Amino acid sequence: MPPARKRTRTYDSAKIRAAVLAQFGNVRQGVHTLTEEQLARPTHLGDWSVRELAAHLTMAVETVSRNLDRPEPAAKELALLDWPFATSARAGDIADGTRELARDNPGLDALYARAEQRITERLATAPDDRLLAARTGAMTLADYLVTRTVELVVHTDDLNRAAGTDIPLDRQALAACTRLLADALAVKAPGASTEVRIPPYAVVQCVEGPRHTRGTPPNVVETDPLTWIRLATGRTEWKTALDEAKVSASGERADLGGLLPLMG
């Protein structure tokens, strides 16, 4: 019998739109409270300072607004689950643009206000199937907004760790980010021998090997959403997460160290 075909996950567009706006609002409030001392601190993202990271976070939504202002591409080029693997090629351009943005906008409050106004206005009328000329490839607005939850959640966590803040993560944004990165793992390592559990948001099966059909799977990985996101994006190493008991892994095919990170 051939293996069952896995259904592609769908996302509620209204919830994703609300999640993107809510998380950007959370970040805007948090950045407003940062002191000059906090803004000058280093981050673990190359040579970026907290100020540069804060400026970069506005790009997560400004790319939506900017692409909605541009002509629509002729055809879709990138599916949602292709996106996590297409981002590393643009890292250099993004780093250069971030430094320039931070340099040209010393007033972060004004930068955030403009970005929030633009994204709110444009999302009010833009249809889900509108194509955007994203750097990684043309995508539908609905798919691209799911990728924005990854950008916002990952970099909010980066900001909290670097600046010592506690900016909250919107539940819907965290859920979408977790699920997209979990599904990306299943794409990278197709199979059904290992079950990866990230409660309460995602469970995926992956890795080639004997297919599990009933009872407790022989290979199980379990962790919390934030640890999973850090593993998938290279913020935490697999061995470190195991040593710190932030992830549990049982079974001979439960070692995901060679598959991570998914995004650079």
C-alpha atoms as a PDB file:
ATOM      1  CA  MET A   1       0.000   0.000   0.000  1.00  0.00           C
ATOM      2  CA  PRO A   2       1.474   3.427  -0.930  1.00  0.00           C
ATOM      3  CA  PRO A   3       2.032   5.884   1.929  1.00  0.00           C
ATOM      4  CA  ALA A   4      -0.828   8.255   2.666  1.00  0.00           C
ATOM      5  CA  ARG A   5      -0.360  11.657   1.118  1.00  0.00           C
ATOM      6  CA  LYS A   6      -0.077  14.390   3.702  1.00  0.00           C
ATOM      7  CA  ARG A   7      -2.460  17.282   3.330  1.00  0.00           C
ATOM      8  CA  THR A   8      -0.994  20.746   3.066  1.00  0.00           C
ATOM      9  CA  ARG A   9      -1.876  22.795   6.119  1.00  0.00           C
ATOM     10  CA  THR A  10      -4.217  25.718   5.612  1.00  0.00           C
ATOM     11  CA  TYR A  11      -4.336  28.945   7.599  1.00  0.00           C
ATOM     12  CA  ASP A  12      -7.278  31.167   8.478  1.00  0.00           C
ATOM     13  CA  SER A  13      -6.544  34.382   6.605  1.00  0.00           C
ATOM     14  CA  ALA A  14      -8.439  36.630   8.994  1.00  0.00           C
ATOM     15  CA  LYS A  15      -6.557  35.208  11.981  1.00  0.00           C
ATOM     16  CA  ILE A  16      -3.174  35.532  10.252  1.00  0.00           C
ATOM     17  CA  ARG A  17      -3.848  39.151   9.298  1.00  0.00           C
ATOM     18  CA  ALA A  18      -4.884  39.927  12.867  1.00  0.00           C
ATOM     19  CA  ALA A  19      -1.847  38.094  14.237  1.00  0.00           C
ATOM     20  CA  VAL A  20       0.602  40.059  12.079  1.00  0.00           C
ATOM     21  CA  LEU A  21      -0.909  43.378  13.155  1.00  0.00           C
ATOM     22  CA  ALA A  22      -1.104  42.315  16.800  1.00  0.00           C
ATOM     23  CA  GLN A  23       2.510  41.163  16.981  1.00  0.00           C
ATOM     24  CA  PHE A  24       3.788  44.254  15.220  1.00  0.00           C
ATOM     25  CA  GLY A  25       1.802  46.310  17.724  1.00  0.00           C
ATOM     26  CA  ASN A  26       3.428  44.392  20.582  1.00  0.00           C
ATOM     27  CA  VAL A  27       6.873  45.098  19.157  1.00  0.00           C
ATOM     28  CA  ARG A  28       6.092  48.779  18.601  1.00  0.00           C
ATOM     29  CA  GLN A  29       5.110  49.191  22.254  1.00  0.00           C
ATOM     30  CA  GLY A  30       8.199  47.336  23.431  1.00  0.00           C
ATOM     31  CA  VAL A  31      10.614  49.299  21.241  1.00  0.00           C
ATOM     32  CA  HIS A  32       9.105  52.557  22.500  1.00  0.00           C
ATOM     33  CA  THR A  33      10.346  51.712  26.018  1.00  0.00           C
ATOM     34  CA  LEU A  34      13.950  50.931  25.027  1.00  0.00           C
ATOM     35  CA  THR A  35      16.632  53.159  26.497  1.00  0.00           C
ATOM     36  CA  GLU A  36      19.674  54.370  24.595  1.00  0.00           C
ATOM     37  CA  GLU A  37      21.758  51.934  26.622  1.00  0.00           C
ATOM     38  CA  GLN A  38      19.543  49.036  25.509  1.00  0.00           C
ATOM     39  CA  LEU A  39      19.553  50.191  21.876  1.00  0.00           C
ATOM     40  CA  ALA A  40      23.355  50.178  21.857  1.00  0.00           C
ATOM     41  CA  ARG A  41      23.660  46.599  23.105  1.00  0.00           C
ATOM     42  CA  PRO A  42      24.972  43.890  20.768  1.00  0.00           C
ATOM     43  CA  THR A  43      22.807  41.029  19.518  1.00  0.00           C
ATOM     44  CA  HIS A  44      23.701  37.486  18.461  1.00  0.00           C
ATOM     45  CA  LEU A  45      22.869  38.435  14.845  1.00  0.00           C
ATOM     46  CA  GLY A  46      26.298  39.202  13.464  1.00  0.00           C
ATOM     47  CA  ASP A  47      27.312  42.777  14.183  1.00  0.00           C
ATOM     48  CA  TRP A  48      23.777  44.132  14.544  1.00  0.00           C
ATOM     49  CA  SER A  49      22.989  46.286  17.540  1.00  0.00           C
ATOM     50  CA  VAL A  50      19.593  46.251  19.232  1.00  0.00           C
ATOM     51  CA  ARG A  51      18.807  49.490  17.368  1.00  0.00           C
ATOM     52  CA  GLU A  52      19.484  47.795  14.035  1.00  0.00           C
ATOM     53  CA  LEU A  53      17.430  44.766  15.028  1.00  0.00           C
ATOM     54  CA  ALA A  54      14.557  47.027  16.064  1.00  0.00           C
ATOM     55  CA  ALA A  55      14.721  48.820  12.728  1.00  0.00           C
ATOM     56  CA  HIS A  56      14.821  45.488  10.895  1.00  0.00           C
ATOM     57  CA  LEU A  57      11.581  44.395  12.543  1.00  0.00           C
ATOM     58  CA  THR A  58       9.709  47.121  10.677  1.00  0.00           C
ATOM     59  CA  MET A  59      10.856  45.518   7.424  1.00  0.00           C
ATOM     60  CA  ALA A  60       8.802  42.434   8.275  1.00  0.00           C
ATOM     61  CA  VAL A  61       5.623  44.365   7.539  1.00  0.00           C
ATOM     62  CA  GLU A  62       6.953  47.106   5.288  1.00  0.00           C
ATOM     63  CA  THR A  63       7.794  44.500   2.646  1.00  0.00           C
ATOM     64  CA  VAL A  64       4.080  43.709   2.487  1.00  0.00           C
ATOM     65  CA  SER A  65       3.102  47.360   2.038  1.00  0.00           C
ATOM     66  CA  ARG A  66       5.871  48.041  -0.458  1.00  0.00           C
ATOM     67  CA  ASN A  67       4.996  45.042  -2.605  1.00  0.00           C
ATOM     68  CA  LEU A  68       1.305  45.901  -2.559  1.00  0.00           C
ATOM     69  CA  ASP A  69       2.293  49.299  -3.985  1.00  0.00           C
ATOM     70  CA  ARG A  70       4.172  47.640  -6.841  1.00  0.00           C
ATOM     71  CA  PRO A  71       2.762  46.044  -9.987  1.00  0.00           C
ATOM     72  CA  GLU A  72       1.485  42.519  -9.476  1.00  0.00           C
ATOM     73  CA  PRO A  73       3.774  39.742 -10.803  1.00  0.00           C
ATOM     74  CA  ALA A  74       2.511  37.670 -13.712  1.00  0.00           C
ATOM     75  CA  ALA A  75       2.677  34.313 -11.946  1.00  0.00           C
ATOM     76  CA  LYS A  76       3.243  32.676  -8.585  1.00  0.00           C
ATOM     77  CA  GLU A  77       6.806  31.423  -8.146  1.00  0.00           C
ATOM     78  CA  LEU A  78       7.013  30.218  -4.555  1.00  0.00           C
ATOM     79  CA  ALA A  79       4.759  28.026  -2.428  1.00  0.00           C
ATOM     80  CA  LEU A  80       4.527  28.655   1.292  1.00  0.00           C
ATOM     81  CA  LEU A  81       6.581  25.591   2.253  1.00  0.00           C
ATOM     82  CA  ASP A  82       9.332  26.614  -0.169  1.00  0.00           C
ATOM     83  CA  TRP A  83       9.877  29.902   1.653  1.00  0.00           C
ATOM     84  CA  PRO A  84      11.903  28.707   4.691  1.00  0.00           C
ATOM     85  CA  PHE A  85      14.529  27.257   2.355  1.00  0.00           C
ATOM     86  CA  ALA A  86      14.715  30.320   0.092  1.00  0.00           C
ATOM     87  CA  THR A  87      15.635  32.960   2.661  1.00  0.00           C
ATOM     88  CA  SER A  88      19.361  32.397   3.190  1.00  0.00           C
ATOM     89  CA  ALA A  89      20.285  33.564  -0.306  1.00  0.00           C
ATOM     90  CA  ARG A  90      19.028  37.063   0.532  1.00  0.00           C
ATOM     91  CA  ALA A  91      20.809  37.392   3.896  1.00  0.00           C
ATOM     92  CA  GLY A  92      23.517  39.746   2.624  1.00  0.00           C
ATOM     93  CA  ASP A  93      21.063  42.148   0.999  1.00  0.00           C
ATOM     94  CA  ILE A  94      18.890  42.144   4.094  1.00  0.00           C
ATOM     95  CA  ALA A  95      21.836  42.928   6.384  1.00  0.00           C
ATOM     96  CA  ASP A  96      22.909  45.863   4.215  1.00  0.00           C
ATOM     97  CA  GLY A  97      19.360  47.203   4.037  1.00  0.00           C
ATOM     98  CA  THR A  98      18.951  46.919   7.785  1.00  0.00           C
ATOM     99  CA  ARG A  99      22.044  48.965   8.566  1.00  0.00           C
ATOM    100  CA  GLU A 100      20.961  51.635   6.098  1.00  0.00           C
ATOM    101  CA  LEU A 101      17.436  51.735   7.526  1.00  0.00           C
ATOM    102  CA  ALA A 102      18.694  52.153  11.097  1.00  0.00           C
ATOM    103  CA  ARG A 103      21.136  54.856  10.040  1.00  0.00           C
ATOM    104  CA  ASP A 104      18.502  56.840   8.129  1.00  0.00           C
ATOM    105  CA  ASN A 105      15.821  56.526  10.828  1.00  0.00           C
ATOM    106  CA  PRO A 106      17.248  57.406  14.250  1.00  0.00           C
ATOM    107  CA  GLY A 107      13.690  58.071  15.448  1.00  0.00           C
ATOM    108  CA  LEU A 108      12.328  54.545  15.819  1.00  0.00           C
ATOM    109  CA  ASP A 109       8.926  55.715  17.070  1.00  0.00           C
ATOM    110  CA  ALA A 110       8.269  57.546  13.806  1.00  0.00           C
ATOM    111  CA  LEU A 111       9.524  54.591  11.759  1.00  0.00           C
ATOM    112  CA  TYR A 112       7.170  52.208  13.565  1.00  0.00           C
ATOM    113  CA  ALA A 113       4.224  54.583  13.293  1.00  0.00           C
ATOM    114  CA  ARG A 114       4.636  54.860   9.513  1.00  0.00           C
ATOM    115  CA  ALA A 115       5.045  51.129   9.059  1.00  0.00           C
ATOM    116  CA  GLU A 116       1.995  50.330  11.168  1.00  0.00           C
ATOM    117  CA  GLN A 117      -0.193  52.866   9.370  1.00  0.00           C
ATOM    118  CA  ARG A 118       0.860  51.604   5.934  1.00  0.00           C
ATOM    119  CA  ILE A 119       0.309  47.907   6.642  1.00  0.00           C
ATOM    120  CA  THR A 120      -3.048  48.545   8.309  1.00  0.00           C
ATOM    121  CA  GLU A 121      -4.319  50.631   5.390  1.00  0.00           C
ATOM    122  CA  ARG A 122      -3.139  48.260   2.683  1.00  0.00           C
ATOM    123  CA  LEU A 123      -4.396  45.076   4.297  1.00  0.00           C
ATOM    124  CA  ALA A 124      -7.840  46.614   4.598  1.00  0.00           C
ATOM    125  CA  THR A 125      -8.427  46.274   0.846  1.00  0.00           C
ATOM    126  CA  ALA A 126      -5.900  43.740  -0.492  1.00  0.00           C
ATOM    127  CA  PRO A 127      -7.305  40.294  -1.446  1.00  0.00           C
ATOM    128  CA  ASP A 128      -5.656  37.080  -0.274  1.00  0.00           C
ATOM    129  CA  ASP A 129      -4.801  35.949  -3.800  1.00  0.00           C
ATOM    130  CA  ARG A 130      -2.960  39.160  -4.694  1.00  0.00           C
ATOM    131  CA  LEU A 131       0.574  38.213  -5.805  1.00  0.00           C
ATOM    132  CA  LEU A 132       3.538  39.963  -4.215  1.00  0.00           C
ATOM    133  CA  ALA A 133       6.983  40.264  -5.802  1.00  0.00           C
ATOM    134  CA  ALA A 134       8.824  39.068  -2.687  1.00  0.00           C
ATOM    135  CA  ARG A 135      12.634  38.829  -2.759  1.00  0.00           C
ATOM    136  CA  THR A 136      12.436  35.072  -2.435  1.00  0.00           C
ATOM    137  CA  GLY A 137       9.918  34.735  -5.291  1.00  0.00           C
ATOM    138  CA  ALA A 138       6.372  35.795  -6.121  1.00  0.00           C
ATOM    139  CA  MET A 139       3.878  34.594  -3.513  1.00  0.00           C
ATOM    140  CA  THR A 140       0.234  35.146  -2.711  1.00  0.00           C
ATOM    141  CA  LEU A 141      -0.502  37.700  -0.029  1.00  0.00           C
ATOM    142  CA  ALA A 142      -2.126  35.005   2.117  1.00  0.00           C
ATOM    143  CA  ASP A 143       1.027  32.860   2.047  1.00  0.00           C
ATOM    144  CA  TYR A 144       3.378  35.789   2.493  1.00  0.00           C
ATOM    145  CA  LEU A 145       1.553  36.953   5.611  1.00  0.00           C
ATOM    146  CA  VAL A 146       2.158  33.548   7.206  1.00  0.00           C
ATOM    147  CA  THR A 147       5.877  34.086   6.617  1.00  0.00           C
ATOM    148  CA  ARG A 148       5.559  37.432   8.389  1.00  0.00           C
ATOM    149  CA  THR A 149       4.572  35.622  11.588  1.00  0.00           C
ATOM    150  CA  VAL A 150       7.919  33.812  11.415  1.00  0.00           C
ATOM    151  CA  GLU A 151       9.850  37.035  10.908  1.00  0.00           C
ATOM    152  CA  LEU A 152       8.008  38.822  13.709  1.00  0.00           C
ATOM    153  CA  VAL A 153       8.092  36.000  16.262  1.00  0.00           C
ATOM    154  CA  VAL A 154      11.727  35.047  15.639  1.00  0.00           C
ATOM    155  CA  HIS A 155      12.993  38.609  15.816  1.00  0.00           C
ATOM    156  CA  THR A 156      10.799  39.521  18.779  1.00  0.00           C
ATOM    157  CA  ASP A 157      12.526  36.676  20.617  1.00  0.00           C
ATOM    158  CA  ASP A 158      15.900  37.962  19.393  1.00  0.00           C
ATOM    159  CA  LEU A 159      15.036  41.410  20.698  1.00  0.00           C
ATOM    160  CA  ASN A 160      13.892  40.139  24.082  1.00  0.00           C
ATOM    161  CA  ARG A 161      17.098  38.168  24.548  1.00  0.00           C
ATOM    162  CA  ALA A 162      19.394  41.008  23.479  1.00  0.00           C
ATOM    163  CA  ALA A 163      17.682  43.931  25.202  1.00  0.00           C
ATOM    164  CA  GLY A 164      16.375  42.122  28.269  1.00  0.00           C
ATOM    165  CA  THR A 165      12.776  42.988  27.409  1.00  0.00           C
ATOM    166  CA  ASP A 166       9.641  40.885  27.714  1.00  0.00           C
ATOM    167  CA  ILE A 167       7.670  41.790  24.600  1.00  0.00           C
ATOM    168  CA  PRO A 168       4.748  39.333  24.429  1.00  0.00           C
ATOM    169  CA  LEU A 169       4.205  36.905  21.565  1.00  0.00           C
ATOM    170  CA  ASP A 170       0.731  36.921  20.073  1.00  0.00           C
ATOM    171  CA  ARG A 171      -0.730  33.409  20.394  1.00  0.00           C
ATOM    172  CA  GLN A 172      -1.879  33.168  16.778  1.00  0.00           C
ATOM    173  CA  ALA A 173       1.448  34.465  15.476  1.00  0.00           C
ATOM    174  CA  LEU A 174       3.363  31.979  17.632  1.00  0.00           C
ATOM    175  CA  ALA A 175       1.120  29.130  16.471  1.00  0.00           C
ATOM    176  CA  ALA A 176       1.534  29.946  12.772  1.00  0.00           C
ATOM    177  CA  CYS A 177       5.298  30.343  13.108  1.00  0.00           C
ATOM    178  CA  THR A 178       5.604  27.016  14.941  1.00  0.00           C
ATOM    179  CA  ARG A 179       3.449  25.163  12.420  1.00  0.00           C
ATOM    180  CA  LEU A 180       5.184  26.510   9.333  1.00  0.00           C
ATOM    181  CA  LEU A 181       8.622  25.547  10.645  1.00  0.00           C
ATOM    182  CA  ALA A 182       7.361  22.122  11.738  1.00  0.00           C
ATOM    183  CA  ASP A 183       5.905  21.481   8.286  1.00  0.00           C
ATOM    184  CA  ALA A 184       9.188  22.617   6.743  1.00  0.00           C
ATOM    185  CA  LEU A 185      10.970  19.878   8.701  1.00  0.00           C
ATOM    186  CA  ALA A 186       8.562  17.308   7.245  1.00  0.00           C
ATOM    187  CA  VAL A 187       9.385  18.622   3.760  1.00  0.00           C
ATOM    188  CA  LYS A 188      13.133  18.467   4.371  1.00  0.00           C
ATOM    189  CA  ALA A 189      12.996  14.958   5.868  1.00  0.00           C
ATOM    190  CA  PRO A 190       9.953  13.212   4.386  1.00  0.00           C
ATOM    191  CA  GLY A 191       8.831  10.015   6.063  1.00  0.00           C
ATOM    192  CA  ALA A 192       6.793   8.759   8.971  1.00  0.00           C
ATOM    193  CA  SER A 193       9.186   7.021  11.340  1.00  0.00           C
ATOM    194  CA  THR A 194       9.572   9.950  13.747  1.00  0.00           C
ATOM    195  CA  GLU A 195       6.903  12.043  15.392  1.00  0.00           C
ATOM    196  CA  VAL A 196       7.807  15.589  16.361  1.00  0.00           C
ATOM    197  CA  ARG A 197       5.503  17.110  18.954  1.00  0.00           C
ATOM    198  CA  ILE A 198       5.407  20.827  19.703  1.00  0.00           C
ATOM    199  CA  PRO A 199       2.408  21.244  21.996  1.00  0.00           C
ATOM    200  CA  PRO A 200      -0.010  22.853  21.831  1.00  0.00           C
ATOM    201  CA  TYR A 201       0.475  23.880  18.208  1.00  0.00           C
ATOM    202  CA  ALA A 202       1.943  21.160  16.002  1.00  0.00           C
ATOM    203  CA  VAL A 203       2.597  17.463  15.508  1.00  0.00           C
ATOM    204  CA  VAL A 204       4.371  16.252  12.356  1.00  0.00           C
ATOM    205  CA  GLN A 205       5.765  12.960  11.142  1.00  0.00           C
ATOM    206  CA  CYS A 206       9.067  12.903   9.298  1.00  0.00           C
ATOM    207  CA  VAL A 207      12.284  10.953   8.596  1.00  0.00           C
ATOM    208  CA  GLU A 208      12.482   7.859   6.411  1.00  0.00           C
ATOM    209  CA  GLY A 209      12.102   4.481   8.078  1.00  0.00           C
ATOM    210  CA  PRO A 210       9.463   2.031   9.272  1.00  0.00           C
ATOM    211  CA  ARG A 211       6.053   3.673   9.281  1.00  0.00           C
ATOM    212  CA  HIS A 212       4.320   3.910  12.632  1.00  0.00           C
ATOM    213  CA  THR A 213       0.654   2.840  12.572  1.00  0.00           C
ATOM    214  CA  ARG A 214      -0.632   2.454  16.125  1.00  0.00           C
ATOM    215  CA  GLY A 215       0.272   2.945  19.779  1.00  0.00           C
ATOM    216  CA  THR A 216       3.216   4.993  20.995  1.00  0.00           C
ATOM    217  CA  PRO A 217       5.597   5.874  18.137  1.00  0.00           C
ATOM    218  CA  PRO A 218       9.085   4.326  18.478  1.00  0.00           C
ATOM    219  CA  ASN A 219      10.775   7.653  17.697  1.00  0.00           C
ATOM    220  CA  VAL A 220       9.469  10.760  19.412  1.00  0.00           C
ATOM    221  CA  VAL A 221      10.813  14.297  19.734  1.00  0.00           C
ATOM    222  CA  GLU A 222       9.024  16.803  21.933  1.00  0.00           C
ATOM    223  CA  THR A 223       9.762  20.404  22.823  1.00  0.00           C
ATOM    224  CA  ASP A 224       8.056  23.726  23.483  1.00  0.00           C
ATOM    225  CA  PRO A 225       7.267  26.222  20.702  1.00  0.00           C
ATOM    226  CA  LEU A 226       9.982  28.750  21.485  1.00  0.00           C
ATOM    227  CA  THR A 227      12.711  26.121  21.765  1.00  0.00           C
ATOM    228  CA  TRP A 228      11.543  24.613  18.473  1.00  0.00           C
ATOM    229  CA  ILE A 229      11.674  27.998  16.743  1.00  0.00           C
ATOM    230  CA  ARG A 230      15.181  28.613  18.061  1.00  0.00           C
ATOM    231  CA  LEU A 231      16.295  25.179  16.855  1.00  0.00           C
ATOM    232  CA  ALA A 232      14.717  25.622  13.426  1.00  0.00           C
ATOM    233  CA  THR A 233      16.337  29.027  12.897  1.00  0.00           C
ATOM    234  CA  GLY A 234      19.770  28.220  14.300  1.00  0.00           C
ATOM    235  CA  ARG A 235      19.445  30.223  17.513  1.00  0.00           C
ATOM    236  CA  THR A 236      19.936  27.075  19.612  1.00  0.00           C
ATOM    237  CA  GLU A 237      21.961  23.968  18.775  1.00  0.00           C
ATOM    238  CA  TRP A 238      20.355  20.545  19.022  1.00  0.00           C
ATOM    239  CA  LYS A 239      22.928  19.224  21.512  1.00  0.00           C
ATOM    240  CA  THR A 240      22.551  22.291  23.711  1.00  0.00           C
ATOM    241  CA  ALA A 241      18.771  21.894  23.820  1.00  0.00           C
ATOM    242  CA  LEU A 242      19.174  18.223  24.765  1.00  0.00           C
ATOM    243  CA  ASP A 243      21.766  18.973  27.450  1.00  0.00           C
ATOM    244  CA  GLU A 244      19.527  21.663  28.938  1.00  0.00           C
ATOM    245  CA  ALA A 245      16.511  19.308  28.863  1.00  0.00           C
ATOM    246  CA  LYS A 246      14.580  21.696  26.640  1.00  0.00           C
ATOM    247  CA  VAL A 247      13.916  18.920  24.163  1.00  0.00           C
ATOM    248  CA  SER A 248      13.307  15.205  24.693  1.00  0.00           C
ATOM    249  CA  ALA A 249      14.214  12.657  22.035  1.00  0.00           C
ATOM    250  CA  SER A 250      13.662   8.903  22.208  1.00  0.00           C
ATOM    251  CA  GLY A 251      14.359   6.284  19.553  1.00  0.00           C
ATOM    252  CA  GLU A 252      17.180   5.648  17.070  1.00  0.00           C
ATOM    253  CA  ARG A 253      15.671   8.021  14.493  1.00  0.00           C
ATOM    254  CA  ALA A 254      14.937  10.847  16.942  1.00  0.00           C
ATOM    255  CA  ASP A 255      18.225  12.692  16.462  1.00  0.00           C
ATOM    256  CA  LEU A 256      17.326  15.800  14.439  1.00  0.00           C
ATOM    257  CA  GLY A 257      20.753  17.416  14.814  1.00  0.00           C
ATOM    258  CA  GLY A 258      21.716  16.742  11.215  1.00  0.00           C
ATOM    259  CA  LEU A 259      18.494  18.304   9.886  1.00  0.00           C
ATOM    260  CA  LEU A 260      18.656  21.565  11.805  1.00  0.00           C
ATOM    261  CA  PRO A 261      18.600  24.471  11.392  1.00  0.00           C
ATOM    262  CA  LEU A 262      16.002  24.776   8.647  1.00  0.00           C
ATOM    263  CA  MET A 263      16.631  28.500   8.175  1.00  0.00           C
ATOM    264  CA  GLY A 264      19.968  30.250   8.430  1.00  0.00           C
END
